[in-house]
Amino acid sequence: LKYLHELEYNFMKEDSAGHESFQTSEKEDEMSHLFISDMIQKSMAQGREEGRMQGMEEGRMQGIEQGIEQGMEKGRAQGIAQGILRTAKNLRDTGISMDIISRSTGLTAEEIQKL
C-alpha cells in the first residue's frame, strides 16, 4: 500500500490552474499498471503464506491441547483402576468375601486372587 501511495504521488502534477491531475505517458501508465499488478500479486502471496503459517500454528496448538487432555484422561482412568485394585487387595487382606469384593469393584474372583 505504501508503494501505491508513492506511485500515485509520483504521477501527480499540478496543471496550469494549480489543480493536481494525473499526467502520464502511455509507457508510464503501462509501467504503473504492471507495478500495481506485481504489488497485488506479492501482497496476495504474502497473505496466503501468513494464513498458512497461522493455520499451522493453530493446528499445532490444538494438537498439543488435545494431547494434554487425552493424557490427563488416560492418567485419571489409570488412577481409578489402580485405586480399585488397591481397595480390592485391602478388602481381600482383611478377610472380606470374594463375592462382596467382586460385586463392589467389578473385578472377577480370578483378578482379585492375583492381587
C-alpha atoms as a PDB file:
ATOM      1  CA  LEU A   1       0.000   0.000   0.000  1.00  0.00           C
ATOM      2  CA  LYS A   2       2.891   2.328   0.777  1.00  0.00           C
ATOM      3  CA  TYR A   3       4.240   1.738  -2.721  1.00  0.00           C
ATOM      4  CA  LEU A   4       0.869   2.530  -4.250  1.00  0.00           C
ATOM      5  CA  HIS A   5       0.769   5.872  -2.455  1.00  0.00           C
ATOM      6  CA  GLU A   6       4.308   6.674  -3.602  1.00  0.00           C
ATOM      7  CA  LEU A   7       3.379   5.746  -7.158  1.00  0.00           C
ATOM      8  CA  GLU A   8       0.300   7.936  -7.011  1.00  0.00           C
ATOM      9  CA  TYR A   9       2.321  10.836  -5.625  1.00  0.00           C
ATOM     10  CA  ASN A  10       4.978  10.480  -8.313  1.00  0.00           C
ATOM     11  CA  PHE A  11       2.396  10.757 -11.075  1.00  0.00           C
ATOM     12  CA  MET A  12       0.512  13.682  -9.566  1.00  0.00           C
ATOM     13  CA  LYS A  13       1.319  17.033 -11.152  1.00  0.00           C
ATOM     14  CA  GLU A  14      -0.272  20.392 -10.912  1.00  0.00           C
ATOM     15  CA  ASP A  15      -1.998  21.688 -14.005  1.00  0.00           C
ATOM     16  CA  SER A  16      -1.879  25.333 -15.084  1.00  0.00           C
ATOM     17  CA  ALA A  17      -4.756  26.262 -12.750  1.00  0.00           C
ATOM     18  CA  GLY A  18      -2.951  24.801  -9.735  1.00  0.00           C
ATOM     19  CA  HIS A  19      -5.108  21.639  -9.571  1.00  0.00           C
ATOM     20  CA  GLU A  20      -3.498  18.244  -9.246  1.00  0.00           C
ATOM     21  CA  SER A  21      -4.173  15.825 -12.020  1.00  0.00           C
ATOM     22  CA  PHE A  22      -2.725  12.621 -13.388  1.00  0.00           C
ATOM     23  CA  GLN A  23      -0.496  13.299 -16.360  1.00  0.00           C
ATOM     24  CA  THR A  24       1.267  10.184 -17.510  1.00  0.00           C
ATOM     25  CA  SER A  25       2.556   8.944 -20.754  1.00  0.00           C
ATOM     26  CA  GLU A  26       1.324   5.688 -22.187  1.00  0.00           C
ATOM     27  CA  LYS A  27       4.580   3.970 -21.186  1.00  0.00           C
ATOM     28  CA  GLU A  28       4.378   5.343 -17.621  1.00  0.00           C
ATOM     29  CA  ASP A  29       0.760   4.220 -17.446  1.00  0.00           C
ATOM     30  CA  GLU A  30       1.712   0.706 -18.546  1.00  0.00           C
ATOM     31  CA  MET A  31       4.627   0.603 -16.082  1.00  0.00           C
ATOM     32  CA  SER A  32       2.440   1.762 -13.218  1.00  0.00           C
ATOM     33  CA  HIS A  33      -0.168  -0.841 -14.118  1.00  0.00           C
ATOM     34  CA  LEU A  34       2.498  -3.572 -14.117  1.00  0.00           C
ATOM     35  CA  PHE A  35       3.905  -2.277 -10.837  1.00  0.00           C
ATOM     36  CA  ILE A  36       0.482  -2.292  -9.210  1.00  0.00           C
ATOM     37  CA  SER A  37      -0.257  -5.794 -10.546  1.00  0.00           C
ATOM     38  CA  ASP A  38       3.077  -7.018  -9.210  1.00  0.00           C
ATOM     39  CA  MET A  39       2.415  -5.470  -5.793  1.00  0.00           C
ATOM     40  CA  ILE A  40      -1.041  -7.049  -5.665  1.00  0.00           C
ATOM     41  CA  GLN A  41       0.403 -10.470  -6.529  1.00  0.00           C
ATOM     42  CA  LYS A  42       3.132 -10.107  -3.887  1.00  0.00           C
ATOM     43  CA  SER A  43       0.607  -8.987  -1.277  1.00  0.00           C
ATOM     44  CA  MET A  44      -1.666 -11.917  -2.076  1.00  0.00           C
ATOM     45  CA  ALA A  45       1.245 -14.370  -1.867  1.00  0.00           C
ATOM     46  CA  GLN A  46       2.330 -12.878   1.447  1.00  0.00           C
ATOM     47  CA  GLY A  47      -1.241 -13.075   2.753  1.00  0.00           C
ATOM     48  CA  ARG A  48      -1.520 -16.721   1.722  1.00  0.00           C
ATOM     49  CA  GLU A  49       1.790 -17.537   3.424  1.00  0.00           C
ATOM     50  CA  GLU A  50       0.791 -15.730   6.611  1.00  0.00           C
ATOM     51  CA  GLY A  51      -2.553 -17.543   6.588  1.00  0.00           C
ATOM     52  CA  ARG A  52      -0.841 -20.890   6.056  1.00  0.00           C
ATOM     53  CA  MET A  53       1.587 -20.244   8.911  1.00  0.00           C
ATOM     54  CA  GLN A  54      -1.221 -19.123  11.223  1.00  0.00           C
ATOM     55  CA  GLY A  55      -3.233 -22.230  10.325  1.00  0.00           C
ATOM     56  CA  MET A  56      -0.263 -24.473  11.045  1.00  0.00           C
ATOM     57  CA  GLU A  57       0.331 -22.790  14.408  1.00  0.00           C
ATOM     58  CA  GLU A  58      -3.334 -23.075  15.365  1.00  0.00           C
ATOM     59  CA  GLY A  59      -3.334 -26.741  14.334  1.00  0.00           C
ATOM     60  CA  ARG A  60      -0.185 -27.399  16.356  1.00  0.00           C
ATOM     61  CA  MET A  61      -1.643 -25.700  19.425  1.00  0.00           C
ATOM     62  CA  GLN A  62      -4.915 -27.594  19.047  1.00  0.00           C
ATOM     63  CA  GLY A  63      -2.963 -30.854  18.764  1.00  0.00           C
ATOM     64  CA  ILE A  64      -0.995 -30.054  21.911  1.00  0.00           C
ATOM     65  CA  GLU A  65      -4.160 -29.195  23.830  1.00  0.00           C
ATOM     66  CA  GLN A  66      -5.862 -32.356  22.605  1.00  0.00           C
ATOM     67  CA  GLY A  67      -2.813 -34.452  23.555  1.00  0.00           C
ATOM     68  CA  ILE A  68      -2.723 -32.941  27.038  1.00  0.00           C
ATOM     69  CA  GLU A  69      -6.436 -33.592  27.517  1.00  0.00           C
ATOM     70  CA  GLN A  70      -6.101 -37.197  26.325  1.00  0.00           C
ATOM     71  CA  GLY A  71      -3.080 -37.710  28.587  1.00  0.00           C
ATOM     72  CA  MET A  72      -4.950 -36.339  31.583  1.00  0.00           C
ATOM     73  CA  GLU A  73      -7.952 -38.538  30.853  1.00  0.00           C
ATOM     74  CA  LYS A  74      -5.747 -41.606  30.478  1.00  0.00           C
ATOM     75  CA  GLY A  75      -3.989 -40.728  33.744  1.00  0.00           C
ATOM     76  CA  ARG A  76      -7.319 -40.358  35.551  1.00  0.00           C
ATOM     77  CA  ALA A  77      -8.507 -43.716  34.210  1.00  0.00           C
ATOM     78  CA  GLN A  78      -5.271 -45.402  35.283  1.00  0.00           C
ATOM     79  CA  GLY A  79      -5.517 -43.792  38.713  1.00  0.00           C
ATOM     80  CA  ILE A  80      -9.075 -45.036  39.146  1.00  0.00           C
ATOM     81  CA  ALA A  81      -8.093 -48.550  38.043  1.00  0.00           C
ATOM     82  CA  GLN A  82      -5.145 -48.600  40.464  1.00  0.00           C
ATOM     83  CA  GLY A  83      -7.402 -47.359  43.263  1.00  0.00           C
ATOM     84  CA  ILE A  84      -9.890 -50.157  42.593  1.00  0.00           C
ATOM     85  CA  LEU A  85      -7.117 -52.763  42.602  1.00  0.00           C
ATOM     86  CA  ARG A  86      -5.626 -51.376  45.843  1.00  0.00           C
ATOM     87  CA  THR A  87      -9.059 -51.324  47.505  1.00  0.00           C
ATOM     88  CA  ALA A  88      -9.823 -54.878  46.358  1.00  0.00           C
ATOM     89  CA  LYS A  89      -6.457 -56.097  47.690  1.00  0.00           C
ATOM     90  CA  ASN A  90      -7.010 -54.360  51.051  1.00  0.00           C
ATOM     91  CA  LEU A  91     -10.527 -55.810  51.335  1.00  0.00           C
ATOM     92  CA  ARG A  92      -9.238 -59.283  50.465  1.00  0.00           C
ATOM     93  CA  ASP A  93      -6.419 -58.954  53.010  1.00  0.00           C
ATOM     94  CA  THR A  94      -8.934 -58.041  55.748  1.00  0.00           C
ATOM     95  CA  GLY A  95     -10.969 -61.166  55.018  1.00  0.00           C
ATOM     96  CA  ILE A  96     -13.926 -59.736  53.110  1.00  0.00           C
ATOM     97  CA  SER A  97     -15.557 -62.366  50.901  1.00  0.00           C
ATOM     98  CA  MET A  98     -14.571 -62.560  47.230  1.00  0.00           C
ATOM     99  CA  ASP A  99     -18.216 -62.241  46.233  1.00  0.00           C
ATOM    100  CA  ILE A 100     -18.643 -58.901  48.036  1.00  0.00           C
ATOM    101  CA  ILE A 101     -15.318 -57.576  46.684  1.00  0.00           C
ATOM    102  CA  SER A 102     -16.226 -58.666  43.157  1.00  0.00           C
ATOM    103  CA  ARG A 103     -19.664 -57.003  43.299  1.00  0.00           C
ATOM    104  CA  SER A 104     -18.211 -53.832  44.837  1.00  0.00           C
ATOM    105  CA  THR A 105     -15.259 -53.400  42.465  1.00  0.00           C
ATOM    106  CA  GLY A 106     -16.408 -55.085  39.262  1.00  0.00           C
ATOM    107  CA  LEU A 107     -13.344 -57.339  39.322  1.00  0.00           C
ATOM    108  CA  THR A 108     -13.592 -61.073  38.779  1.00  0.00           C
ATOM    109  CA  ALA A 109     -12.668 -63.522  41.547  1.00  0.00           C
ATOM    110  CA  GLU A 110      -9.623 -64.537  39.474  1.00  0.00           C
ATOM    111  CA  GLU A 111      -8.435 -60.909  39.220  1.00  0.00           C
ATOM    112  CA  ILE A 112      -8.870 -60.464  42.973  1.00  0.00           C
ATOM    113  CA  GLN A 113      -6.899 -63.644  43.735  1.00  0.00           C
ATOM    114  CA  LYS A 114      -3.969 -62.437  41.582  1.00  0.00           C
ATOM    115  CA  LEU A 115      -3.604 -59.269  43.682  1.00  0.00           C
END
